[in-house]
Amino acid sequence: MLASSQAAEEQRKRDTFPATPAGAATVAKEAGQPFFEMITGETSTDRVFMSGEATAVSGVTVGVYLFRNTALPESTA
């Protein structure tokens, strides 16, 4: 039983890692994206209006992370 709870905890960590700034940057790098930006501290909601779609953002920007994929050739980045 201990092994299965440890395995479940490890899986939970793997599942939640992409939601962190470092995890999302890792996923973007592995996908070959030259740049990746993540803003923390804001919440947003997507809304659909008669005139079109809009995103409502509230909160205070706590941090902006900008990652550059140095593994790509300079001509791509």
N, C-alpha and C. Protein backbone atom coordinates (compact mmCIF):
# COMPACT_ATOMS: atom_id res chain seq x y z
N MET A 1 0.82 -1.19 0.00
CA MET A 1 0.00 0.00 0.00
C MET A 1 0.86 1.25 0.00
N LEU A 2 1.99 1.23 0.72
CA LEU A 2 2.90 2.37 0.77
C LEU A 2 3.45 2.69 -0.61
N ALA A 3 3.79 1.67 -1.37
CA ALA A 3 4.33 1.87 -2.72
C ALA A 3 3.30 2.53 -3.63
N SER A 4 2.04 2.14 -3.51
CA SER A 4 1.02 2.74 -4.37
C SER A 4 0.75 4.19 -3.98
N SER A 5 0.82 4.55 -2.71
CA SER A 5 0.62 5.95 -2.31
C SER A 5 1.82 6.79 -2.73
N GLN A 6 3.02 6.22 -2.69
CA GLN A 6 4.20 6.93 -3.18
C GLN A 6 4.11 7.15 -4.69
N ALA A 7 3.65 6.14 -5.39
CA ALA A 7 3.49 6.25 -6.84
C ALA A 7 2.44 7.30 -7.18
N ALA A 8 1.36 7.33 -6.42
CA ALA A 8 0.31 8.33 -6.65
C ALA A 8 0.83 9.74 -6.39
N GLU A 9 1.63 9.91 -5.36
CA GLU A 9 2.22 11.21 -5.04
C GLU A 9 3.19 11.66 -6.13
N GLU A 10 3.99 10.74 -6.62
CA GLU A 10 4.92 11.06 -7.71
C GLU A 10 4.16 11.46 -8.97
N GLN A 11 3.08 10.75 -9.26
CA GLN A 11 2.26 11.08 -10.43
C GLN A 11 1.63 12.46 -10.27
N ARG A 12 1.16 12.77 -9.07
CA ARG A 12 0.56 14.09 -8.81
C ARG A 12 1.59 15.19 -9.03
N LYS A 13 2.83 14.97 -8.59
CA LYS A 13 3.89 15.95 -8.80
C LYS A 13 4.19 16.13 -10.28
N ARG A 14 4.23 15.03 -11.04
CA ARG A 14 4.46 15.12 -12.48
C ARG A 14 3.32 15.85 -13.18
N ASP A 15 2.09 15.65 -12.71
CA ASP A 15 0.94 16.29 -13.33
C ASP A 15 0.87 17.79 -13.03
N THR A 16 1.32 18.20 -11.85
CA THR A 16 1.22 19.61 -11.47
C THR A 16 2.43 20.43 -11.88
N PHE A 17 3.57 19.79 -12.18
CA PHE A 17 4.78 20.52 -12.55
C PHE A 17 4.59 21.45 -13.74
N PRO A 18 3.89 21.05 -14.83
CA PRO A 18 3.73 21.98 -15.96
C PRO A 18 2.98 23.26 -15.61
N ALA A 19 2.27 23.31 -14.51
CA ALA A 19 1.54 24.52 -14.12
C ALA A 19 2.46 25.53 -13.43
N THR A 20 3.67 25.14 -13.08
CA THR A 20 4.61 26.06 -12.45
C THR A 20 5.38 26.81 -13.54
N PRO A 21 5.95 27.98 -13.23
CA PRO A 21 6.73 28.69 -14.25
C PRO A 21 7.86 27.84 -14.83
N ALA A 22 8.61 27.16 -14.00
CA ALA A 22 9.71 26.33 -14.51
C ALA A 22 9.18 25.15 -15.32
N GLY A 23 8.07 24.56 -14.88
CA GLY A 23 7.49 23.43 -15.60
C GLY A 23 6.95 23.84 -16.96
N ALA A 24 6.25 24.97 -17.01
CA ALA A 24 5.71 25.44 -18.28
C ALA A 24 6.83 25.81 -19.24
N ALA A 25 7.92 26.40 -18.72
CA ALA A 25 9.06 26.72 -19.56
C ALA A 25 9.73 25.45 -20.08
N THR A 26 9.81 24.43 -19.25
CA THR A 26 10.38 23.16 -19.68
C THR A 26 9.57 22.54 -20.80
N VAL A 27 8.25 22.56 -20.67
CA VAL A 27 7.37 22.03 -21.71
C VAL A 27 7.54 22.82 -23.01
N ALA A 28 7.63 24.16 -22.90
CA ALA A 28 7.81 25.00 -24.08
C ALA A 28 9.14 24.72 -24.76
N LYS A 29 10.20 24.54 -23.96
CA LYS A 29 11.52 24.24 -24.52
C LYS A 29 11.51 22.91 -25.25
N GLU A 30 10.90 21.91 -24.62
CA GLU A 30 10.83 20.58 -25.26
C GLU A 30 10.01 20.62 -26.55
N ALA A 31 9.06 21.58 -26.64
CA ALA A 31 8.25 21.72 -27.86
C ALA A 31 8.98 22.54 -28.93
N GLY A 32 10.17 23.09 -28.58
CA GLY A 32 10.95 23.84 -29.55
C GLY A 32 10.56 25.30 -29.69
N GLN A 33 9.83 25.85 -28.74
CA GLN A 33 9.45 27.26 -28.79
C GLN A 33 10.68 28.12 -28.49
N PRO A 34 10.94 29.16 -29.30
CA PRO A 34 12.12 29.98 -29.06
C PRO A 34 12.01 30.85 -27.81
N PHE A 35 10.81 31.32 -27.50
CA PHE A 35 10.58 32.14 -26.32
C PHE A 35 9.34 31.65 -25.60
N PHE A 36 9.31 31.91 -24.30
CA PHE A 36 8.14 31.53 -23.51
C PHE A 36 7.96 32.58 -22.42
N GLU A 37 6.74 33.08 -22.24
CA GLU A 37 6.46 34.08 -21.22
C GLU A 37 5.36 33.57 -20.30
N MET A 38 5.51 33.83 -19.02
CA MET A 38 4.49 33.47 -18.05
C MET A 38 4.30 34.63 -17.08
N ILE A 39 3.06 35.03 -16.86
CA ILE A 39 2.74 36.10 -15.93
C ILE A 39 2.07 35.48 -14.72
N THR A 40 2.55 35.86 -13.53
CA THR A 40 1.98 35.29 -12.30
C THR A 40 1.22 36.36 -11.54
N GLY A 41 0.27 35.93 -10.75
CA GLY A 41 -0.47 36.83 -9.87
C GLY A 41 -1.75 37.36 -10.44
N GLU A 42 -2.09 37.04 -11.66
CA GLU A 42 -3.33 37.51 -12.28
C GLU A 42 -4.28 36.34 -12.45
N THR A 43 -5.55 36.66 -12.44
CA THR A 43 -6.55 35.66 -12.78
C THR A 43 -7.33 36.19 -13.97
N SER A 44 -7.71 35.31 -14.85
CA SER A 44 -8.46 35.75 -16.02
C SER A 44 -9.62 34.80 -16.28
N THR A 45 -10.64 35.35 -16.91
CA THR A 45 -11.78 34.55 -17.31
C THR A 45 -12.12 34.89 -18.76
N ASP A 46 -12.39 33.89 -19.54
CA ASP A 46 -12.80 34.11 -20.92
C ASP A 46 -14.31 34.25 -20.95
N ARG A 47 -14.77 35.24 -21.69
CA ARG A 47 -16.21 35.48 -21.80
C ARG A 47 -16.56 35.61 -23.28
N VAL A 48 -17.74 35.18 -23.62
CA VAL A 48 -18.22 35.32 -24.98
C VAL A 48 -19.39 36.29 -24.96
N PHE A 49 -19.23 37.39 -25.71
CA PHE A 49 -20.27 38.41 -25.79
C PHE A 49 -20.85 38.40 -27.20
N MET A 50 -21.94 39.10 -27.37
CA MET A 50 -22.55 39.22 -28.69
C MET A 50 -21.57 39.82 -29.69
N SER A 51 -20.71 40.72 -29.22
CA SER A 51 -19.76 41.38 -30.11
C SER A 51 -18.49 40.57 -30.32
N GLY A 52 -18.34 39.46 -29.61
CA GLY A 52 -17.15 38.63 -29.76
C GLY A 52 -16.63 38.16 -28.42
N GLU A 53 -15.45 37.58 -28.43
CA GLU A 53 -14.85 37.06 -27.21
C GLU A 53 -13.99 38.12 -26.54
N ALA A 54 -13.89 38.05 -25.24
CA ALA A 54 -13.04 38.97 -24.48
C ALA A 54 -12.50 38.22 -23.27
N THR A 55 -11.37 38.68 -22.77
CA THR A 55 -10.78 38.11 -21.57
C THR A 55 -10.74 39.18 -20.50
N ALA A 56 -11.32 38.90 -19.35
CA ALA A 56 -11.29 39.82 -18.22
C ALA A 56 -10.14 39.42 -17.31
N VAL A 57 -9.26 40.37 -17.02
CA VAL A 57 -8.10 40.11 -16.17
C VAL A 57 -8.23 40.95 -14.91
N SER A 58 -7.99 40.32 -13.76
CA SER A 58 -8.02 41.06 -12.50
C SER A 58 -6.83 40.64 -11.66
N GLY A 59 -6.50 41.46 -10.69
CA GLY A 59 -5.39 41.15 -9.81
C GLY A 59 -4.20 42.05 -10.09
N VAL A 60 -3.11 41.74 -9.48
CA VAL A 60 -1.88 42.50 -9.62
C VAL A 60 -0.81 41.58 -10.19
N THR A 61 -0.07 42.08 -11.17
CA THR A 61 1.01 41.28 -11.72
C THR A 61 2.11 41.16 -10.68
N VAL A 62 2.39 39.96 -10.26
CA VAL A 62 3.42 39.71 -9.26
C VAL A 62 4.77 39.51 -9.95
N GLY A 63 4.77 38.83 -11.06
CA GLY A 63 6.02 38.59 -11.77
C GLY A 63 5.78 38.23 -13.21
N VAL A 64 6.75 38.55 -14.04
CA VAL A 64 6.73 38.17 -15.45
C VAL A 64 8.01 37.41 -15.71
N TYR A 65 7.87 36.20 -16.17
CA TYR A 65 9.03 35.37 -16.50
C TYR A 65 9.15 35.32 -18.01
N LEU A 66 10.34 35.57 -18.53
CA LEU A 66 10.60 35.44 -19.96
C LEU A 66 11.77 34.49 -20.12
N PHE A 67 11.52 33.38 -20.78
CA PHE A 67 12.54 32.36 -20.98
C PHE A 67 12.92 32.33 -22.45
N ARG A 68 14.21 32.19 -22.74
CA ARG A 68 14.70 32.05 -24.11
C ARG A 68 15.30 30.67 -24.25
N ASN A 69 14.94 29.99 -25.30
CA ASN A 69 15.43 28.64 -25.55
C ASN A 69 16.80 28.73 -26.23
N THR A 70 17.86 28.59 -25.45
CA THR A 70 19.22 28.71 -25.99
C THR A 70 19.66 27.46 -26.74
N ALA A 71 18.87 26.40 -26.70
CA ALA A 71 19.23 25.17 -27.39
C ALA A 71 18.94 25.26 -28.89
N LEU A 72 18.17 26.29 -29.30
CA LEU A 72 17.83 26.45 -30.71
C LEU A 72 18.92 27.24 -31.42
N PRO A 73 19.11 27.01 -32.72
CA PRO A 73 20.06 27.82 -33.49
C PRO A 73 19.65 29.29 -33.46
N GLU A 74 20.61 30.20 -33.56
CA GLU A 74 20.33 31.63 -33.48
C GLU A 74 19.36 32.10 -34.55
N SER A 75 19.37 31.51 -35.74
CA SER A 75 18.48 31.94 -36.81
C SER A 75 17.01 31.69 -36.48
N THR A 76 16.71 30.74 -35.59
CA THR A 76 15.34 30.41 -35.22
C THR A 76 14.85 31.32 -34.10
N ALA A 77 15.72 31.67 -33.17
CA ALA A 77 15.32 32.43 -31.98
C ALA A 77 15.22 33.89 -32.22
